[in-house]
Each structure stands twice: as structure tokens, then as C-alpha cells.
Amino acid sequence: MSPRIATVKPLPQARLLLGFSNGEQRLFDASAYLDKGIFTQLRDPDYFDRVRVVGGHVEWPGGQDFSPDTLYLRSDPTATPCDPARNMQGTA
């Protein structure tokens, strides 16, 4: 089981900077999903920026979401340690 999402920051080009419950910070590229079903709405950068953390995963107002497992396994580690207090949205 992968760690849960603690923080998320939307970035340009359909990428998410993710902070995980284990302290890792990882970068997820969602662009491969933007032509599929309900994810097409994420092509709108203003809508993409409305991402939030809910219950340990990320979701958008229209119900699009990614599980922590998908985000962890399909993301790349970043060189910067995760600091949830720096400009990122935490769990509501």
C-alpha cells in the first residue's frame, strides 16, 4: 500500500507536485490521462488548478480523482524534501 497524499500543488502542463504522508515529494504528469473519459475536463488549466486533497487522494470538483497508489507508482521523486507548509493545499 502506498503512502497517502498530504499536499498537492498544480503545475503547468498538467503536472502535480505531491507531498506524501511519508514525507516524500513527487511529481506526477497527468497529461497521458487528458484524452480519456471524465479526465478531458482537466485540459482546462483553470479547472486543473482546482485540484484538492480529499481523504488521502486528489480530486477535482467534477469528481475526477486519482488514487494514492496510481499517483505514487506513476510519479517521479523530486530532489526537494516535502514541506507541506510551503504554498501547498492540504487536506480540507
C-alpha atoms as a PDB file:
ATOM      1  CA  MET A   1       0.000   0.000   0.000  1.00  0.00           C
ATOM      2  CA  SER A   2       1.321   3.418  -0.990  1.00  0.00           C
ATOM      3  CA  PRO A   3       1.502   6.398   1.364  1.00  0.00           C
ATOM      4  CA  ARG A   4      -1.435   8.797   1.323  1.00  0.00           C
ATOM      5  CA  ILE A   5      -1.430  12.219  -0.305  1.00  0.00           C
ATOM      6  CA  ALA A   6      -0.891  15.015   2.222  1.00  0.00           C
ATOM      7  CA  THR A   7      -0.496  18.010  -0.111  1.00  0.00           C
ATOM      8  CA  VAL A   8      -0.939  18.904  -3.773  1.00  0.00           C
ATOM      9  CA  LYS A   9       0.180  21.827  -5.894  1.00  0.00           C
ATOM     10  CA  PRO A  10      -0.958  22.075  -9.531  1.00  0.00           C
ATOM     11  CA  LEU A  11       1.783  22.955 -12.006  1.00  0.00           C
ATOM     12  CA  PRO A  12       1.765  23.930 -15.701  1.00  0.00           C
ATOM     13  CA  GLN A  13       1.451  21.226 -18.375  1.00  0.00           C
ATOM     14  CA  ALA A  14      -0.957  19.053 -16.340  1.00  0.00           C
ATOM     15  CA  ARG A  15       1.535  18.161 -13.642  1.00  0.00           C
ATOM     16  CA  LEU A  16       1.013  17.831  -9.900  1.00  0.00           C
ATOM     17  CA  LEU A  17       3.575  18.349  -7.174  1.00  0.00           C
ATOM     18  CA  LEU A  18       2.561  15.875  -4.475  1.00  0.00           C
ATOM     19  CA  GLY A  19       3.526  15.611  -0.834  1.00  0.00           C
ATOM     20  CA  PHE A  20       3.002  12.141   0.617  1.00  0.00           C
ATOM     21  CA  SER A  21       2.356  11.100   4.203  1.00  0.00           C
ATOM     22  CA  ASN A  22       5.824   9.515   4.385  1.00  0.00           C
ATOM     23  CA  GLY A  23       7.463  12.908   3.711  1.00  0.00           C
ATOM     24  CA  GLU A  24       8.306  12.214   0.067  1.00  0.00           C
ATOM     25  CA  GLN A  25       7.667  14.830  -2.581  1.00  0.00           C
ATOM     26  CA  ARG A  26       6.927  13.514  -6.074  1.00  0.00           C
ATOM     27  CA  LEU A  27       5.963  14.880  -9.486  1.00  0.00           C
ATOM     28  CA  PHE A  28       3.004  13.352 -11.369  1.00  0.00           C
ATOM     29  CA  ASP A  29       2.350  14.050 -15.053  1.00  0.00           C
ATOM     30  CA  ALA A  30      -1.392  13.720 -15.735  1.00  0.00           C
ATOM     31  CA  SER A  31      -1.129  14.538 -19.457  1.00  0.00           C
ATOM     32  CA  ALA A  32      -1.490  10.885 -20.524  1.00  0.00           C
ATOM     33  CA  TYR A  33      -4.976  10.812 -18.972  1.00  0.00           C
ATOM     34  CA  LEU A  34      -6.395  14.018 -20.508  1.00  0.00           C
ATOM     35  CA  ASP A  35      -7.911  12.305 -23.565  1.00  0.00           C
ATOM     36  CA  LYS A  36      -9.798   9.689 -21.531  1.00  0.00           C
ATOM     37  CA  GLY A  37     -13.421   9.913 -20.358  1.00  0.00           C
ATOM     38  CA  ILE A  38     -14.088  12.281 -17.487  1.00  0.00           C
ATOM     39  CA  PHE A  39     -10.458  13.409 -17.430  1.00  0.00           C
ATOM     40  CA  THR A  40     -10.902  15.515 -20.609  1.00  0.00           C
ATOM     41  CA  GLN A  41     -12.167  18.380 -18.436  1.00  0.00           C
ATOM     42  CA  LEU A  42      -8.697  18.546 -16.856  1.00  0.00           C
ATOM     43  CA  ARG A  43      -7.365  20.002 -20.137  1.00  0.00           C
ATOM     44  CA  ASP A  44      -8.675  23.382 -18.965  1.00  0.00           C
ATOM     45  CA  PRO A  45      -5.787  24.838 -16.909  1.00  0.00           C
ATOM     46  CA  ASP A  46      -8.150  26.846 -14.680  1.00  0.00           C
ATOM     47  CA  TYR A  47     -10.119  23.700 -13.872  1.00  0.00           C
ATOM     48  CA  PHE A  48      -6.940  21.635 -13.407  1.00  0.00           C
ATOM     49  CA  ASP A  49      -5.772  24.181 -10.824  1.00  0.00           C
ATOM     50  CA  ARG A  50      -8.854  23.440  -8.689  1.00  0.00           C
ATOM     51  CA  VAL A  51      -7.391  20.118  -7.524  1.00  0.00           C
ATOM     52  CA  ARG A  52      -7.543  19.374  -3.802  1.00  0.00           C
ATOM     53  CA  VAL A  53      -6.671  16.631  -1.338  1.00  0.00           C
ATOM     54  CA  VAL A  54      -9.650  14.658  -0.028  1.00  0.00           C
ATOM     55  CA  GLY A  55      -9.246  11.594   2.156  1.00  0.00           C
ATOM     56  CA  GLY A  56      -5.658  10.940   1.115  1.00  0.00           C
ATOM     57  CA  HIS A  57      -6.214  11.188  -2.642  1.00  0.00           C
ATOM     58  CA  VAL A  58      -6.557  14.094  -5.087  1.00  0.00           C
ATOM     59  CA  GLU A  59      -9.818  15.117  -6.713  1.00  0.00           C
ATOM     60  CA  TRP A  60     -11.429  17.890  -8.731  1.00  0.00           C
ATOM     61  CA  PRO A  61     -14.904  19.437  -8.321  1.00  0.00           C
ATOM     62  CA  GLY A  62     -16.362  17.260 -11.116  1.00  0.00           C
ATOM     63  CA  GLY A  63     -15.391  14.043  -9.327  1.00  0.00           C
ATOM     64  CA  GLN A  64     -12.239  13.233 -11.279  1.00  0.00           C
ATOM     65  CA  ASP A  65      -9.695  11.646  -8.990  1.00  0.00           C
ATOM     66  CA  PHE A  66      -6.514   9.623  -8.798  1.00  0.00           C
ATOM     67  CA  SER A  67      -5.804   7.079  -6.089  1.00  0.00           C
ATOM     68  CA  PRO A  68      -2.703   7.388  -3.909  1.00  0.00           C
ATOM     69  CA  ASP A  69      -1.379   4.141  -5.437  1.00  0.00           C
ATOM     70  CA  THR A  70      -1.634   5.475  -9.003  1.00  0.00           C
ATOM     71  CA  LEU A  71      -0.060   8.778  -8.040  1.00  0.00           C
ATOM     72  CA  TYR A  72       2.802   7.175  -6.131  1.00  0.00           C
ATOM     73  CA  LEU A  73       3.623   4.451  -8.641  1.00  0.00           C
ATOM     74  CA  ARG A  74       3.379   6.719 -11.707  1.00  0.00           C
ATOM     75  CA  SER A  75       5.217   9.731 -10.299  1.00  0.00           C
ATOM     76  CA  ASP A  76       8.870  10.657 -10.080  1.00  0.00           C
ATOM     77  CA  PRO A  77      10.668  11.659  -6.882  1.00  0.00           C
ATOM     78  CA  THR A  78      11.823  15.255  -6.661  1.00  0.00           C
ATOM     79  CA  ALA A  79      15.097  16.404  -5.158  1.00  0.00           C
ATOM     80  CA  THR A  80      13.422  18.757  -2.680  1.00  0.00           C
ATOM     81  CA  PRO A  81      12.133  17.349   0.620  1.00  0.00           C
ATOM     82  CA  CYS A  82       8.419  17.828   1.153  1.00  0.00           C
ATOM     83  CA  ASP A  83       7.425  20.845   3.214  1.00  0.00           C
ATOM     84  CA  PRO A  84       3.605  20.807   3.483  1.00  0.00           C
ATOM     85  CA  ALA A  85       3.573  24.339   4.904  1.00  0.00           C
ATOM     86  CA  ARG A  86       5.031  25.886   1.737  1.00  0.00           C
ATOM     87  CA  ASN A  87       2.343  27.025  -0.694  1.00  0.00           C
ATOM     88  CA  MET A  88       0.568  23.694  -0.979  1.00  0.00           C
ATOM     89  CA  GLN A  89      -3.024  22.753  -0.315  1.00  0.00           C
ATOM     90  CA  GLY A  90      -3.517  20.256   2.475  1.00  0.00           C
ATOM     91  CA  THR A  91      -6.446  18.106   3.435  1.00  0.00           C
ATOM     92  CA  ALA A  92      -9.670  20.017   3.954  1.00  0.00           C
END
